Amino acid sequence: MATDISAKLSYLPISAQKVRLVVDTVRGKPVVDAINTLKFLQKSAAKPVEKLLTSAVSNAEENFGISRDDLFVYMITADEAPTRRWRRFGARGRFKPILRRTSHVNVVLRERQ
């Protein structure tokens, strides 16, 4: 029986579309490789996803006693969260709507057999 170790990041103030670019690079990789990849990735979403992955690894080590070398990223998703609607005033008394998008990121780690 494989134990699932999960962690979740809610209301990340980056759009889900941008976070998915980062998330897709680490899916299925061993955790140590995934964290090293995220350290050197030049995307704004890389830092929060790295912190989330580190948190999930800490959960595994502390609560289940599993070594980080035995873990891999089983599942990681970036879903849309509520969008904040913002206004910026434009020319001739009109206003331009701005959508401030947010996202939820979920990660599930599993132990390698």
Protein backbone atom coordinates (compact mmCIF):
# COMPACT_ATOMS: atom_id res chain seq x y z
CA MET A 1 0.00 0.00 0.00
CA ALA A 2 1.49 3.31 -1.11
CA THR A 3 1.16 6.24 1.24
CA ASP A 4 0.16 9.55 -0.31
CA ILE A 5 1.77 12.63 1.20
CA SER A 6 0.00 15.81 0.17
CA ALA A 7 0.37 19.55 0.58
CA LYS A 8 -1.63 22.39 -0.85
CA LEU A 9 -1.08 26.05 -1.60
CA SER A 10 -4.21 28.19 -1.81
CA TYR A 11 -4.77 31.60 -3.37
CA LEU A 12 -1.37 31.97 -5.02
CA PRO A 13 -1.52 35.39 -6.72
CA ILE A 14 -0.27 34.06 -10.08
CA SER A 15 -2.57 32.82 -12.84
CA ALA A 16 -3.04 29.06 -13.14
CA GLN A 17 -1.87 29.17 -16.74
CA LYS A 18 1.55 30.49 -15.67
CA VAL A 19 1.82 28.09 -12.73
CA ARG A 20 1.06 25.10 -14.99
CA LEU A 21 4.20 25.87 -17.04
CA VAL A 22 6.28 25.35 -13.88
CA VAL A 23 4.25 22.43 -12.52
CA ASP A 24 4.55 20.44 -15.77
CA THR A 25 8.36 20.47 -15.55
CA VAL A 26 8.47 18.61 -12.21
CA ARG A 27 5.59 16.13 -12.55
CA GLY A 28 6.80 12.53 -12.21
CA LYS A 29 10.35 13.45 -11.17
CA PRO A 30 12.13 12.37 -7.97
CA VAL A 31 11.66 15.03 -5.29
CA VAL A 32 15.35 15.92 -4.98
CA ASP A 33 15.62 16.52 -8.76
CA ALA A 34 12.36 18.48 -8.80
CA ILE A 35 13.52 20.87 -6.05
CA ASN A 36 16.87 21.40 -7.81
CA THR A 37 15.07 22.10 -11.10
CA LEU A 38 12.80 24.67 -9.45
CA LYS A 39 15.75 26.45 -7.80
CA PHE A 40 17.17 27.40 -11.20
CA LEU A 41 13.94 27.97 -13.14
CA GLN A 42 13.46 31.60 -14.28
CA LYS A 43 9.70 31.80 -13.66
CA SER A 44 7.88 33.75 -10.95
CA ALA A 45 5.84 30.69 -9.97
CA ALA A 46 8.94 28.54 -9.38
CA LYS A 47 9.67 29.88 -5.87
CA PRO A 48 6.20 29.25 -4.34
CA VAL A 49 6.00 25.80 -5.95
CA GLU A 50 9.47 24.98 -4.58
CA LYS A 51 8.35 26.01 -1.08
CA LEU A 52 5.23 23.85 -1.43
CA LEU A 53 7.30 20.84 -2.51
CA THR A 54 9.73 21.36 0.39
CA SER A 55 6.76 21.51 2.77
CA ALA A 56 5.38 18.23 1.41
CA VAL A 57 8.80 16.59 1.85
CA SER A 58 8.94 17.85 5.44
CA ASN A 59 5.48 16.34 6.04
CA ALA A 60 6.72 12.99 4.74
CA GLU A 61 9.87 13.00 6.87
CA GLU A 62 8.21 14.24 10.05
CA ASN A 63 4.85 12.45 9.99
CA PHE A 64 5.64 9.23 8.10
CA GLY A 65 9.41 8.79 8.56
CA ILE A 66 10.03 8.48 4.82
CA SER A 67 13.39 9.58 3.39
CA ARG A 68 13.33 12.31 0.74
CA ASP A 69 15.44 10.10 -1.57
CA ASP A 70 12.58 7.58 -1.83
CA LEU A 71 9.90 10.12 -2.82
CA PHE A 72 8.71 11.22 -6.25
CA VAL A 73 6.11 13.74 -7.41
CA TYR A 74 3.11 11.48 -8.08
CA MET A 75 0.62 14.22 -8.90
CA ILE A 76 0.79 18.01 -9.01
CA THR A 77 -1.96 20.28 -10.28
CA ALA A 78 -2.57 24.02 -10.65
CA ASP A 79 -6.25 24.96 -10.63
CA GLU A 80 -7.99 28.30 -10.97
CA ALA A 81 -8.96 30.15 -7.82
CA PRO A 82 -11.31 33.15 -7.53
CA THR A 83 -10.49 36.08 -9.78
CA ARG A 84 -10.40 39.58 -8.30
CA ARG A 85 -11.91 42.21 -10.57
CA TRP A 86 -10.03 45.49 -10.50
CA ARG A 87 -10.60 48.84 -12.23
CA ARG A 88 -8.16 51.19 -13.85
CA PHE A 89 -9.51 54.45 -15.15
CA GLY A 90 -8.87 55.16 -18.81
CA ALA A 91 -9.33 57.96 -21.25
CA ARG A 92 -12.55 60.00 -21.52
CA GLY A 93 -13.92 58.91 -18.13
CA ARG A 94 -14.09 55.21 -18.99
CA PHE A 95 -12.54 52.44 -16.97
CA LYS A 96 -10.60 49.40 -18.05
CA PRO A 97 -11.34 46.17 -16.18
CA ILE A 98 -8.32 44.25 -14.91
CA LEU A 99 -8.60 40.60 -13.84
CA ARG A 100 -6.26 39.64 -11.00
CA ARG A 101 -6.15 35.88 -11.32
CA THR A 102 -5.16 33.49 -8.52
CA SER A 103 -4.56 29.74 -8.36
CA HIS A 104 -4.59 26.73 -6.05
CA VAL A 105 -1.68 24.25 -6.28
CA ASN A 106 -1.95 20.68 -4.95
CA VAL A 107 0.93 18.23 -4.74
CA VAL A 108 0.88 14.50 -3.90
CA LEU A 109 4.11 12.61 -3.23
CA ARG A 110 4.51 8.85 -3.20
CA GLU A 111 7.22 6.49 -2.05
CA ARG A 112 9.11 4.64 -4.78
CA GLN A 113 8.65 0.86 -4.66
